[in-house]
PDB file of N, CA and C in Angstrom:
ATOM      1  N   MET A   1      27.892 104.410  68.568  1.00  0.00           N
ATOM      2  CA  MET A   1      26.952 105.219  67.907  1.00  0.00           C
ATOM      3  C   MET A   1      27.510 106.824  68.592  1.00  0.00           C
ATOM      4  N   GLN A   2      27.810 107.097  67.116  1.00  0.00           N
ATOM      5  CA  GLN A   2      28.246 108.876  66.980  1.00  0.00           C
ATOM      6  C   GLN A   2      26.675 109.956  67.275  1.00  0.00           C
ATOM      7  N   SER A   3      27.620 111.378  67.733  1.00  0.00           N
ATOM      8  CA  SER A   3      26.887 111.852  67.240  1.00  0.00           C
ATOM      9  C   SER A   3      26.558 112.780  66.359  1.00  0.00           C
ATOM     10  N   GLN A   4      25.246 113.396  66.227  1.00  0.00           N
ATOM     11  CA  GLN A   4      25.378 114.031  65.124  1.00  0.00           C
ATOM     12  C   GLN A   4      25.207 114.985  64.651  1.00  0.00           C
ATOM     13  N   ASN A   5      24.978 115.940  66.429  1.00  0.00           N
ATOM     14  CA  ASN A   5      25.282 117.265  66.814  1.00  0.00           C
ATOM     15  C   ASN A   5      26.982 118.296  66.408  1.00  0.00           C
ATOM     16  N   PRO A   6      26.640 118.770  65.895  1.00  0.00           N
ATOM     17  CA  PRO A   6      28.030 119.054  65.310  1.00  0.00           C
ATOM     18  C   PRO A   6      28.483 120.092  66.566  1.00  0.00           C
ATOM     19  N   LEU A   7      27.380 121.027  67.159  1.00  0.00           N
ATOM     20  CA  LEU A   7      27.878 121.880  68.286  1.00  0.00           C
ATOM     21  C   LEU A   7      28.821 120.368  69.487  1.00  0.00           C
ATOM     22  N   ILE A   8      28.087 119.079  69.564  1.00  0.00           N
ATOM     23  CA  ILE A   8      29.264 118.675  70.634  1.00  0.00           C
ATOM     24  C   ILE A   8      29.728 118.078  69.779  1.00  0.00           C
ATOM     25  N   ALA A   9      30.286 117.475  69.001  1.00  0.00           N
ATOM     26  CA  ALA A   9      31.106 117.503  67.810  1.00  0.00           C
ATOM     27  C   ALA A   9      32.547 118.415  67.804  1.00  0.00           C
ATOM     28  N   ASP A  10      32.199 119.673  67.229  1.00  0.00           N
ATOM     29  CA  ASP A  10      33.331 121.233  66.932  1.00  0.00           C
ATOM     30  C   ASP A  10      33.843 121.109  68.618  1.00  0.00           C
ATOM     31  N   PHE A  11      32.584 120.898  69.909  1.00  0.00           N
ATOM     32  CA  PHE A  11      33.850 121.028  71.003  1.00  0.00           C
ATOM     33  C   PHE A  11      34.588 119.838  71.525  1.00  0.00           C
ATOM     34  N   VAL A  12      34.010 118.369  71.064  1.00  0.00           N
ATOM     35  CA  VAL A  12      35.245 117.840  71.513  1.00  0.00           C
ATOM     36  C   VAL A  12      36.416 118.153  70.462  1.00  0.00           C
ATOM     37  N   LYS A  13      36.769 118.548  69.204  1.00  0.00           N
ATOM     38  CA  LYS A  13      37.275 118.902  68.534  1.00  0.00           C
ATOM     39  C   LYS A  13      38.376 119.851  69.405  1.00  0.00           C
ATOM     40  N   LEU A  14      37.499 121.280  69.954  1.00  0.00           N
ATOM     41  CA  LEU A  14      38.249 122.024  70.145  1.00  0.00           C
ATOM     42  C   LEU A  14      38.773 121.202  71.935  1.00  0.00           C
ATOM     43  N   ALA A  15      38.378 120.288  72.454  1.00  0.00           N
ATOM     44  CA  ALA A  15      39.121 119.776  73.499  1.00  0.00           C
ATOM     45  C   ALA A  15      39.913 119.197  73.751  1.00  0.00           C
ATOM     46  N   ASN A  16      40.166 118.884  72.394  1.00  0.00           N
ATOM     47  CA  ASN A  16      40.609 117.527  72.071  1.00  0.00           C
ATOM     48  C   ASN A  16      42.296 118.965  71.533  1.00  0.00           C
ATOM     49  N   SER A  17      42.065 119.999  70.351  1.00  0.00           N
ATOM     50  CA  SER A  17      43.142 120.271  70.715  1.00  0.00           C
ATOM     51  C   SER A  17      43.850 121.479  71.858  1.00  0.00           C
ATOM     52  N   ALA A  18      42.838 122.082  72.626  1.00  0.00           N
ATOM     53  CA  ALA A  18      43.210 122.101  74.097  1.00  0.00           C
ATOM     54  C   ALA A  18      44.781 121.456  74.348  1.00  0.00           C
ATOM     55  N   ALA A  19      43.768 120.517  74.544  1.00  0.00           N
ATOM     56  CA  ALA A  19      44.340 119.160  75.521  1.00  0.00           C
ATOM     57  C   ALA A  19      45.892 118.838  74.795  1.00  0.00           C
ATOM     58  N   GLY A  20      46.113 119.523  73.455  1.00  0.00           N
ATOM     59  CA  GLY A  20      46.968 119.225  72.991  1.00  0.00           C
ATOM     60  C   GLY A  20      48.276 119.916  73.439  1.00  0.00           C
ATOM     61  N   THR A  21      47.384 121.333  72.830  1.00  0.00           N
ATOM     62  CA  THR A  21      48.722 122.546  73.113  1.00  0.00           C
ATOM     63  C   THR A  21      48.998 122.844  74.172  1.00  0.00           C
ATOM     64  N   VAL A  22      48.361 122.047  75.696  1.00  0.00           N
ATOM     65  CA  VAL A  22      48.232 122.397  77.059  1.00  0.00           C
ATOM     66  C   VAL A  22      49.715 121.130  77.435  1.00  0.00           C
ATOM     67  N   ALA A  23      49.823 120.086  76.696  1.00  0.00           N
ATOM     68  CA  ALA A  23      50.013 119.322  76.781  1.00  0.00           C
ATOM     69  C   ALA A  23      52.038 119.921  76.577  1.00  0.00           C
ATOM     70  N   GLY A  24      51.981 120.556  75.014  1.00  0.00           N
ATOM     71  CA  GLY A  24      53.498 120.351  73.822  1.00  0.00           C
ATOM     72  C   GLY A  24      53.527 121.694  74.917  1.00  0.00           C
ATOM     73  N   MET A  25      52.878 122.720  75.444  1.00  0.00           N
ATOM     74  CA  MET A  25      53.496 123.633  76.488  1.00  0.00           C
ATOM     75  C   MET A  25      54.266 123.037  77.334  1.00  0.00           C
ATOM     76  N   THR A  26      53.675 122.483  78.396  1.00  0.00           N
ATOM     77  CA  THR A  26      53.641 122.039  79.665  1.00  0.00           C
ATOM     78  C   THR A  26      55.881 121.567  78.245  1.00  0.00           C
ATOM     79  N   ARG A  27      56.189 120.665  77.826  1.00  0.00           N
ATOM     80  CA  ARG A  27      56.811 120.093  77.344  1.00  0.00           C
ATOM     81  C   ARG A  27      58.381 121.324  76.819  1.00  0.00           C
ATOM     82  N   GLU A  28      57.565 122.008  76.016  1.00  0.00           N
ATOM     83  CA  GLU A  28      58.438 123.056  76.075  1.00  0.00           C
ATOM     84  C   GLU A  28      59.275 123.620  77.096  1.00  0.00           C
ATOM     85  N   ALA A  29      58.188 123.808  77.934  1.00  0.00           N
ATOM     86  CA  ALA A  29      58.359 125.294  79.315  1.00  0.00           C
ATOM     87  C   ALA A  29      59.464 123.978  79.816  1.00  0.00           C
ATOM     88  N   ARG A  30      59.076 122.625  79.699  1.00  0.00           N
ATOM     89  CA  ARG A  30      59.807 121.526  80.607  1.00  0.00           C
ATOM     90  C   ARG A  30      61.741 121.933  80.140  1.00  0.00           C
ATOM     91  N   GLU A  31      61.263 121.750  78.902  1.00  0.00           N
ATOM     92  CA  GLU A  31      62.967 121.700  77.812  1.00  0.00           C
ATOM     93  C   GLU A  31      63.229 122.769  78.308  1.00  0.00           C
ATOM     94  N   SER A  32      62.409 124.350  78.241  1.00  0.00           N
ATOM     95  CA  SER A  32      63.985 125.208  78.451  1.00  0.00           C
ATOM     96  C   SER A  32      63.763 125.359  80.148  1.00  0.00           C
ATOM     97  N   ALA A  33      62.932 125.238  80.291  1.00  0.00           N
ATOM     98  CA  ALA A  33      64.233 125.022  81.657  1.00  0.00           C
ATOM     99  C   ALA A  33      64.874 123.997  81.947  1.00  0.00           C
ATOM    100  N   ARG A  34      64.471 122.487  81.639  1.00  0.00           N
ATOM    101  CA  ARG A  34      66.131 122.673  81.504  1.00  0.00           C
ATOM    102  C   ARG A  34      67.214 122.795  81.240  1.00  0.00           C
ATOM    103  N   ASP A  35      67.269 123.443  80.054  1.00  0.00           N
ATOM    104  CA  ASP A  35      67.916 124.799  78.901  1.00  0.00           C
ATOM    105  C   ASP A  35      68.500 125.225  79.370  1.00  0.00           C
ATOM    106  N   ARG A  36      67.948 126.241  81.441  1.00  0.00           N
ATOM    107  CA  ARG A  36      68.150 127.129  81.958  1.00  0.00           C
ATOM    108  C   ARG A  36      69.220 126.329  82.770  1.00  0.00           C
ATOM    109  N   MET A  37      68.785 125.825  83.004  1.00  0.00           N
ATOM    110  CA  MET A  37      69.929 124.890  84.612  1.00  0.00           C
ATOM    111  C   MET A  37      70.969 124.323  84.112  1.00  0.00           C
ATOM    112  N   LYS A  38      71.079 124.411  82.858  1.00  0.00           N
ATOM    113  CA  LYS A  38      72.156 123.454  82.073  1.00  0.00           C
ATOM    114  C   LYS A  38      73.476 124.620  82.163  1.00  0.00           C
ATOM    115  N   GLU A  39      72.609 125.770  81.831  1.00  0.00           N
ATOM    116  CA  GLU A  39      74.059 127.298  81.590  1.00  0.00           C
ATOM    117  C   GLU A  39      74.137 127.236  82.869  1.00  0.00           C
ATOM    118  N   VAL A  40      73.389 127.898  84.176  1.00  0.00           N
ATOM    119  CA  VAL A  40      73.549 127.737  85.228  1.00  0.00           C
ATOM    120  C   VAL A  40      74.523 126.643  85.709  1.00  0.00           C
ATOM    121  N   MET A  41      74.679 125.759  85.850  1.00  0.00           N
ATOM    122  CA  MET A  41      75.185 125.280  86.317  1.00  0.00           C
ATOM    123  C   MET A  41      76.123 124.655  85.718  1.00  0.00           C
ATOM    124  N   GLY A  42      76.262 124.952  84.446  1.00  0.00           N
ATOM    125  CA  GLY A  42      77.370 125.381  83.408  1.00  0.00           C
ATOM    126  C   GLY A  42      78.621 125.364  84.260  1.00  0.00           C
ATOM    127  N   GLY A  43      78.471 127.268  84.172  1.00  0.00           N
ATOM    128  CA  GLY A  43      78.972 128.152  84.784  1.00  0.00           C
ATOM    129  C   GLY A  43      79.811 127.837  85.889  1.00  0.00           C
ATOM    130  N   MET A  44      79.207 127.611  87.283  1.00  0.00           N
ATOM    131  CA  MET A  44      79.630 127.166  88.413  1.00  0.00           C
ATOM    132  C   MET A  44      80.912 125.894  87.984  1.00  0.00           C
ATOM    133  N   ASP A  45      81.715 126.134  89.022  1.00  0.00           N
ATOM    134  CA  ASP A  45      82.870 125.155  88.969  1.00  0.00           C
ATOM    135  C   ASP A  45      83.303 124.403  90.400  1.00  0.00           C
ATOM    136  N   PHE A  46      82.374 123.119  89.728  1.00  0.00           N
ATOM    137  CA  PHE A  46      82.335 121.896  90.748  1.00  0.00           C
ATOM    138  C   PHE A  46      83.261 121.310  90.881  1.00  0.00           C
ATOM    139  N   VAL A  47      83.782 120.504  91.750  1.00  0.00           N
ATOM    140  CA  VAL A  47      84.692 119.561  91.612  1.00  0.00           C
ATOM    141  C   VAL A  47      84.093 118.277  92.042  1.00  0.00           C
ATOM    142  N   SER A  48      84.971 117.450  91.194  1.00  0.00           N
ATOM    143  CA  SER A  48      84.798 116.382  91.536  1.00  0.00           C
ATOM    144  C   SER A  48      84.510 115.310  92.378  1.00  0.00           C
ATOM    145  N   ARG A  49      84.356 114.206  92.847  1.00  0.00           N
ATOM    146  CA  ARG A  49      83.998 113.371  93.971  1.00  0.00           C
ATOM    147  C   ARG A  49      85.455 113.009  94.248  1.00  0.00           C
ATOM    148  N   GLU A  50      86.447 112.365  93.937  1.00  0.00           N
ATOM    149  CA  GLU A  50      88.035 112.210  93.316  1.00  0.00           C
ATOM    150  C   GLU A  50      88.425 113.326  93.705  1.00  0.00           C
ATOM    151  N   GLU A  51      88.207 114.625  93.092  1.00  0.00           N
ATOM    152  CA  GLU A  51      88.877 115.851  94.022  1.00  0.00           C
ATOM    153  C   GLU A  51      88.832 116.449  95.344  1.00  0.00           C
ATOM    154  N   PHE A  52      87.681 115.812  95.355  1.00  0.00           N
ATOM    155  CA  PHE A  52      87.408 116.556  97.087  1.00  0.00           C
ATOM    156  C   PHE A  52      88.069 115.248  97.695  1.00  0.00           C
ATOM    157  N   ASP A  53      88.200 114.143  97.932  1.00  0.00           N
ATOM    158  CA  ASP A  53      87.935 113.241  98.796  1.00  0.00           C
ATOM    159  C   ASP A  53      90.211 113.267  98.802  1.00  0.00           C
ATOM    160  N   ALA A  54      90.275 113.694  97.808  1.00  0.00           N
ATOM    161  CA  ALA A  54      91.956 114.097  98.061  1.00  0.00           C
ATOM    162  C   ALA A  54      92.423 115.302  98.665  1.00  0.00           C
ATOM    163  N   VAL A  55      91.666 116.403  98.279  1.00  0.00           N
ATOM    164  CA  VAL A  55      91.739 117.149  99.276  1.00  0.00           C
ATOM    165  C   VAL A  55      91.678 117.364 100.541  1.00  0.00           C
ATOM    166  N   LYS A  56      90.294 116.753 100.265  1.00  0.00           N
ATOM    167  CA  LYS A  56      90.010 116.226 102.254  1.00  0.00           C
ATOM    168  C   LYS A  56      91.271 115.145 102.974  1.00  0.00           C
ATOM    169  N   GLU A  57      92.081 114.025 102.166  1.00  0.00           N
ATOM    170  CA  GLU A  57      92.695 113.615 102.577  1.00  0.00           C
ATOM    171  C   GLU A  57      94.350 114.727 103.305  1.00  0.00           C
ATOM    172  N   MET A  58      93.943 115.205 102.028  1.00  0.00           N
ATOM    173  CA  MET A  58      95.253 116.243 102.556  1.00  0.00           C
ATOM    174  C   MET A  58      95.085 117.461 103.581  1.00  0.00           C
ATOM    175  N   ALA A  59      94.167 117.830 103.878  1.00  0.00           N
ATOM    176  CA  ALA A  59      93.510 118.300 105.308  1.00  0.00           C
ATOM    177  C   ALA A  59      93.907 117.819 106.306  1.00  0.00           C
ATOM    178  N   SER A  60      93.596 116.265 106.103  1.00  0.00           N
ATOM    179  CA  SER A  60      93.372 114.886 107.612  1.00  0.00           C
ATOM    180  C   SER A  60      94.546 115.958 107.103  1.00  0.00           C
ATOM    181  N   ARG A  61      95.969 114.999 106.948  1.00  0.00           N
ATOM    182  CA  ARG A  61      97.625 114.594 107.027  1.00  0.00           C
ATOM    183  C   ARG A  61      98.047 116.234 107.343  1.00  0.00           C
ATOM    184  N   ALA A  62      97.356 117.251 106.883  1.00  0.00           N
ATOM    185  CA  ALA A  62      98.290 118.803 107.643  1.00  0.00           C
ATOM    186  C   ALA A  62      97.835 118.832 109.043  1.00  0.00           C
ATOM    187  N   ARG A  63      96.872 119.111 109.257  1.00  0.00           N
ATOM    188  CA  ARG A  63      95.824 118.413 110.538  1.00  0.00           C
ATOM    189  C   ARG A  63      96.470 118.197 111.468  1.00  0.00           C
ATOM    190  N   GLU A  64      97.193 116.625 110.761  1.00  0.00           N
ATOM    191  CA  GLU A  64      97.735 115.734 111.885  1.00  0.00           C
ATOM    192  C   GLU A  64      99.120 115.647 112.164  1.00  0.00           C
ATOM    193  N   GLU A  65      99.968 116.702 110.931  1.00  0.00           N
ATOM    194  CA  GLU A  65     101.358 117.287 111.067  1.00  0.00           C
ATOM    195  C   GLU A  65     100.853 118.266 112.522  1.00  0.00           C
ATOM    196  N   ASN A  66     100.076 118.406 111.991  1.00  0.00           N
ATOM    197  CA  ASN A  66      99.948 119.617 112.935  1.00  0.00           C
ATOM    198  C   ASN A  66     100.412 119.875 113.907  1.00  0.00           C
ATOM    199  N   GLU A  67      99.213 119.037 114.603  1.00  0.00           N
ATOM    200  CA  GLU A  67      99.731 119.174 115.507  1.00  0.00           C
ATOM    201  C   GLU A  67     100.593 117.719 116.464  1.00  0.00           C
ATOM    202  N   LYS A  68     101.476 117.326 115.354  1.00  0.00           N
ATOM    203  CA  LYS A  68     102.800 116.736 116.092  1.00  0.00           C
ATOM    204  C   LYS A  68     103.396 117.249 116.142  1.00  0.00           C
ATOM    205  N   LEU A  69     103.565 119.216 115.736  1.00  0.00           N
ATOM    206  CA  LEU A  69     104.730 120.370 115.242  1.00  0.00           C
ATOM    207  C   LEU A  69     104.036 121.072 116.429  1.00  0.00           C
ATOM    208  N   ALA A  70     102.265 120.641 117.049  1.00  0.00           N
ATOM    209  CA  ALA A  70     102.292 121.116 118.138  1.00  0.00           C
ATOM    210  C   ALA A  70     102.882 120.774 119.442  1.00  0.00           C
ATOM    211  N   GLU A  71     102.903 119.419 119.539  1.00  0.00           N
ATOM    212  CA  GLU A  71     103.000 118.917 120.705  1.00  0.00           C
ATOM    213  C   GLU A  71     104.483 119.382 120.855  1.00  0.00           C
ATOM    214  N   ARG A  72     105.333 118.913 120.262  1.00  0.00           N
ATOM    215  CA  ARG A  72     106.523 119.519 119.440  1.00  0.00           C
ATOM    216  C   ARG A  72     107.251 120.441 119.926  1.00  0.00           C
ATOM    217  N   LEU A  73     106.717 121.596 119.497  1.00  0.00           N
ATOM    218  CA  LEU A  73     107.351 122.880 120.458  1.00  0.00           C
ATOM    219  C   LEU A  73     106.796 122.512 121.150  1.00  0.00           C
ATOM    220  N   ALA A  74     106.011 122.735 122.461  1.00  0.00           N
ATOM    221  CA  ALA A  74     105.714 122.615 123.698  1.00  0.00           C
ATOM    222  C   ALA A  74     106.362 122.044 123.959  1.00  0.00           C
ATOM    223  N   ALA A  75     106.583 120.684 123.809  1.00  0.00           N
ATOM    224  CA  ALA A  75     107.856 120.308 125.257  1.00  0.00           C
ATOM    225  C   ALA A  75     108.928 121.036 124.387  1.00  0.00           C
ATOM    226  N   LEU A  76     109.788 121.741 123.751  1.00  0.00           N
ATOM    227  CA  LEU A  76     110.377 122.391 123.215  1.00  0.00           C
ATOM    228  C   LEU A  76     110.675 123.539 124.399  1.00  0.00           C
ATOM    229  N   GLU A  77     109.235 124.064 124.386  1.00  0.00           N
ATOM    230  CA  GLU A  77     109.124 125.105 125.549  1.00  0.00           C
ATOM    231  C   GLU A  77     108.960 125.544 126.708  1.00  0.00           C
ATOM    232  N   ALA A  78     108.632 124.279 127.238  1.00  0.00           N
ATOM    233  CA  ALA A  78     109.294 123.664 128.492  1.00  0.00           C
ATOM    234  C   ALA A  78     110.527 123.118 128.642  1.00  0.00           C
ATOM    235  N   LYS A  79     111.023 122.144 127.671  1.00  0.00           N
ATOM    236  CA  LYS A  79     112.838 122.833 128.339  1.00  0.00           C
ATOM    237  C   LYS A  79     113.309 123.799 128.238  1.00  0.00           C
ATOM    238  N   LEU A  80     113.568 124.844 127.384  1.00  0.00           N
ATOM    239  CA  LEU A  80     113.443 126.279 127.689  1.00  0.00           C
ATOM    240  C   LEU A  80     112.913 126.593 128.669  1.00  0.00           C
ATOM    241  N   ALA A  81     112.094 126.571 129.105  1.00  0.00           N
ATOM    242  CA  ALA A  81     111.422 127.172 130.601  1.00  0.00           C
ATOM    243  C   ALA A  81     112.282 126.516 131.387  1.00  0.00           C
ATOM    244  N   SER A  82     113.174 125.208 131.292  1.00  0.00           N
ATOM    245  CA  SER A  82     113.037 124.226 132.451  1.00  0.00           C
ATOM    246  C   SER A  82     115.152 124.817 132.806  1.00  0.00           C
ATOM    247  N   LYS A  83     115.154 125.334 132.171  1.00  0.00           N
ATOM    248  CA  LYS A  83     116.742 125.877 131.907  1.00  0.00           C
ATOM    249  C   LYS A  83     116.846 126.932 132.815  1.00  0.00           C
TER     250      LYS A  83
END
C-alpha cells in the first residue's frame, strides 16, 4: 500500500537522488585517485623481479670473489713479511 502523502513521496525521491549522487561521487573519487596513483607510479623507476635477482646474484659473486682476493692478499703479505 503506497502512501498518498506527497511530502513523504518527495522525501523518498530526494533520499534516492542523494544516495545516487553519493555513489557517483564515490566512484568518481576512486577513479581519480587511481589515475593519480598511476601517474605517480609511472614516473618512478622500478625494476622487475628478474633484474633484481640478477643484480643480487652478481653482488653475491662479487662478495665471494672479494673475500677470496682478501685471503690471497693476506697470504702474500704474510709471505712478504716473513722474508
